């Protein structure tokens, strides 16, 4: 009975925290494909992209604040001043509590 509990506990720990049990390469670097992807996403200039996106808005400060939040979460902003949501699906999928589109 105790051995089953230990096995179940170890399996649950592995499911909850996969980074603890992630494979390590020979040189000691964690083998994680998301590392390269994350470094590319960090290079997004949210301020510049949101300024361009909101330049024709009737409420530019509100637009830039919402756009900045969306950009930080998704690491992308669709080109142009409106639309083009197919370029950044994450940006398009964020909604408010009322179900309206969050990102301008």
C-alpha atoms as a PDB file:
ATOM      1  CA  UNK A   1       0.000   0.000   0.000  1.00  0.00           C
ATOM      2  CA  UNK A   2       2.814   2.461   0.881  1.00  0.00           C
ATOM      3  CA  UNK A   3       4.734   1.692  -2.311  1.00  0.00           C
ATOM      4  CA  UNK A   4       1.647   2.495  -4.409  1.00  0.00           C
ATOM      5  CA  UNK A   5       1.294   5.822  -2.653  1.00  0.00           C
ATOM      6  CA  UNK A   6       4.931   6.664  -3.334  1.00  0.00           C
ATOM      7  CA  UNK A   7       4.612   5.744  -7.028  1.00  0.00           C
ATOM      8  CA  UNK A   8       1.440   7.810  -7.420  1.00  0.00           C
ATOM      9  CA  UNK A   9       3.061  10.757  -5.627  1.00  0.00           C
ATOM     10  CA  UNK A  10       6.105  10.646  -7.898  1.00  0.00           C
ATOM     11  CA  UNK A  11       3.930  10.456 -11.012  1.00  0.00           C
ATOM     12  CA  UNK A  12       1.856  13.432  -9.867  1.00  0.00           C
ATOM     13  CA  UNK A  13       4.991  15.448  -9.147  1.00  0.00           C
ATOM     14  CA  UNK A  14       6.291  14.695 -12.635  1.00  0.00           C
ATOM     15  CA  UNK A  15       3.029  15.854 -14.211  1.00  0.00           C
ATOM     16  CA  UNK A  16       2.827  19.041 -12.148  1.00  0.00           C
ATOM     17  CA  UNK A  17       6.437  20.182 -12.527  1.00  0.00           C
ATOM     18  CA  UNK A  18       7.913  18.898 -15.803  1.00  0.00           C
ATOM     19  CA  UNK A  19      10.935  21.228 -15.566  1.00  0.00           C
ATOM     20  CA  UNK A  20      12.227  19.358 -12.524  1.00  0.00           C
ATOM     21  CA  UNK A  21      12.455  16.171 -14.555  1.00  0.00           C
ATOM     22  CA  UNK A  22      13.431  17.698 -17.913  1.00  0.00           C
ATOM     23  CA  UNK A  23      16.267  16.095 -19.876  1.00  0.00           C
ATOM     24  CA  UNK A  24      19.710  17.667 -19.590  1.00  0.00           C
ATOM     25  CA  UNK A  25      22.228  17.591 -22.391  1.00  0.00           C
ATOM     26  CA  UNK A  26      25.842  16.529 -21.875  1.00  0.00           C
ATOM     27  CA  UNK A  27      27.117  20.085 -21.424  1.00  0.00           C
ATOM     28  CA  UNK A  28      24.595  20.764 -18.633  1.00  0.00           C
ATOM     29  CA  UNK A  29      22.196  22.877 -20.684  1.00  0.00           C
ATOM     30  CA  UNK A  30      18.525  21.987 -20.338  1.00  0.00           C
ATOM     31  CA  UNK A  31      17.153  20.590 -23.583  1.00  0.00           C
ATOM     32  CA  UNK A  32      14.124  22.789 -24.054  1.00  0.00           C
ATOM     33  CA  UNK A  33      12.818  23.786 -27.486  1.00  0.00           C
ATOM     34  CA  UNK A  34      10.794  26.663 -25.995  1.00  0.00           C
ATOM     35  CA  UNK A  35      13.968  28.515 -24.948  1.00  0.00           C
ATOM     36  CA  UNK A  36      14.829  29.562 -28.491  1.00  0.00           C
ATOM     37  CA  UNK A  37      11.191  30.436 -29.222  1.00  0.00           C
ATOM     38  CA  UNK A  38      10.900  32.486 -26.016  1.00  0.00           C
ATOM     39  CA  UNK A  39      14.037  34.476 -26.811  1.00  0.00           C
ATOM     40  CA  UNK A  40      12.563  35.454 -30.181  1.00  0.00           C
ATOM     41  CA  UNK A  41       9.309  36.531 -28.549  1.00  0.00           C
ATOM     42  CA  UNK A  42      11.097  38.748 -26.025  1.00  0.00           C
ATOM     43  CA  UNK A  43      12.404  40.958 -28.854  1.00  0.00           C
ATOM     44  CA  UNK A  44       8.972  42.411 -29.718  1.00  0.00           C
ATOM     45  CA  UNK A  45       8.915  46.203 -29.346  1.00  0.00           C
ATOM     46  CA  UNK A  46       5.469  46.527 -27.785  1.00  0.00           C
ATOM     47  CA  UNK A  47       5.731  50.288 -27.319  1.00  0.00           C
ATOM     48  CA  UNK A  48       6.516  50.996 -30.959  1.00  0.00           C
ATOM     49  CA  UNK A  49       4.072  48.432 -32.299  1.00  0.00           C
ATOM     50  CA  UNK A  50       1.233  49.747 -30.120  1.00  0.00           C
ATOM     51  CA  UNK A  51       1.995  53.365 -31.013  1.00  0.00           C
ATOM     52  CA  UNK A  52       1.658  52.450 -34.681  1.00  0.00           C
ATOM     53  CA  UNK A  53      -1.471  50.375 -34.046  1.00  0.00           C
ATOM     54  CA  UNK A  54      -3.207  53.118 -32.034  1.00  0.00           C
ATOM     55  CA  UNK A  55      -2.147  56.213 -33.958  1.00  0.00           C
ATOM     56  CA  UNK A  56      -5.636  56.741 -35.479  1.00  0.00           C
ATOM     57  CA  UNK A  57      -7.607  55.779 -32.375  1.00  0.00           C
ATOM     58  CA  UNK A  58     -10.079  58.249 -30.896  1.00  0.00           C
ATOM     59  CA  UNK A  59      -8.780  57.249 -27.441  1.00  0.00           C
ATOM     60  CA  UNK A  60      -5.049  56.683 -28.015  1.00  0.00           C
ATOM     61  CA  UNK A  61      -3.988  56.289 -24.363  1.00  0.00           C
ATOM     62  CA  UNK A  62      -6.660  53.658 -23.688  1.00  0.00           C
ATOM     63  CA  UNK A  63      -5.782  51.918 -26.949  1.00  0.00           C
ATOM     64  CA  UNK A  64      -2.047  51.860 -26.134  1.00  0.00           C
ATOM     65  CA  UNK A  65      -2.690  50.515 -22.634  1.00  0.00           C
ATOM     66  CA  UNK A  66      -4.890  47.668 -23.929  1.00  0.00           C
ATOM     67  CA  UNK A  67      -2.530  46.963 -26.814  1.00  0.00           C
ATOM     68  CA  UNK A  68       0.462  46.909 -24.464  1.00  0.00           C
ATOM     69  CA  UNK A  69      -1.216  44.345 -22.208  1.00  0.00           C
ATOM     70  CA  UNK A  70      -2.075  42.165 -25.192  1.00  0.00           C
ATOM     71  CA  UNK A  71       1.408  42.515 -26.651  1.00  0.00           C
ATOM     72  CA  UNK A  72       3.039  41.487 -23.366  1.00  0.00           C
ATOM     73  CA  UNK A  73       0.860  38.364 -23.204  1.00  0.00           C
ATOM     74  CA  UNK A  74       1.112  37.385 -26.866  1.00  0.00           C
ATOM     75  CA  UNK A  75       4.445  38.945 -27.910  1.00  0.00           C
ATOM     76  CA  UNK A  76       2.953  40.184 -31.144  1.00  0.00           C
ATOM     77  CA  UNK A  77       0.776  42.986 -32.493  1.00  0.00           C
ATOM     78  CA  UNK A  78      -1.025  42.735 -35.841  1.00  0.00           C
ATOM     79  CA  UNK A  79       0.175  45.201 -38.478  1.00  0.00           C
ATOM     80  CA  UNK A  80      -1.895  48.238 -39.421  1.00  0.00           C
ATOM     81  CA  UNK A  81      -4.280  50.327 -37.366  1.00  0.00           C
ATOM     82  CA  UNK A  82      -7.132  47.786 -37.315  1.00  0.00           C
ATOM     83  CA  UNK A  83      -7.954  44.208 -38.301  1.00  0.00           C
ATOM     84  CA  UNK A  84      -5.275  41.750 -39.489  1.00  0.00           C
ATOM     85  CA  UNK A  85      -6.018  39.512 -36.498  1.00  0.00           C
ATOM     86  CA  UNK A  86      -5.084  36.404 -38.518  1.00  0.00           C
ATOM     87  CA  UNK A  87      -1.407  37.417 -38.191  1.00  0.00           C
ATOM     88  CA  UNK A  88      -1.541  37.124 -34.388  1.00  0.00           C
ATOM     89  CA  UNK A  89      -4.239  34.623 -33.259  1.00  0.00           C
ATOM     90  CA  UNK A  90      -3.354  35.011 -29.563  1.00  0.00           C
ATOM     91  CA  UNK A  91      -3.928  38.770 -29.797  1.00  0.00           C
ATOM     92  CA  UNK A  92      -7.311  38.190 -31.425  1.00  0.00           C
ATOM     93  CA  UNK A  93      -8.440  35.578 -28.879  1.00  0.00           C
ATOM     94  CA  UNK A  94      -8.079  37.720 -25.728  1.00  0.00           C
ATOM     95  CA  UNK A  95     -11.466  38.920 -24.463  1.00  0.00           C
ATOM     96  CA  UNK A  96     -12.830  41.041 -21.618  1.00  0.00           C
ATOM     97  CA  UNK A  97     -15.072  39.708 -18.847  1.00  0.00           C
ATOM     98  CA  UNK A  98     -18.029  40.813 -20.960  1.00  0.00           C
ATOM     99  CA  UNK A  99     -16.882  38.681 -23.909  1.00  0.00           C
ATOM    100  CA  UNK A 100     -15.795  41.602 -26.059  1.00  0.00           C
ATOM    101  CA  UNK A 101     -12.436  41.695 -27.836  1.00  0.00           C
ATOM    102  CA  UNK A 102      -9.807  43.065 -25.446  1.00  0.00           C
ATOM    103  CA  UNK A 103      -7.128  44.007 -27.937  1.00  0.00           C
ATOM    104  CA  UNK A 104      -7.552  46.950 -30.321  1.00  0.00           C
END
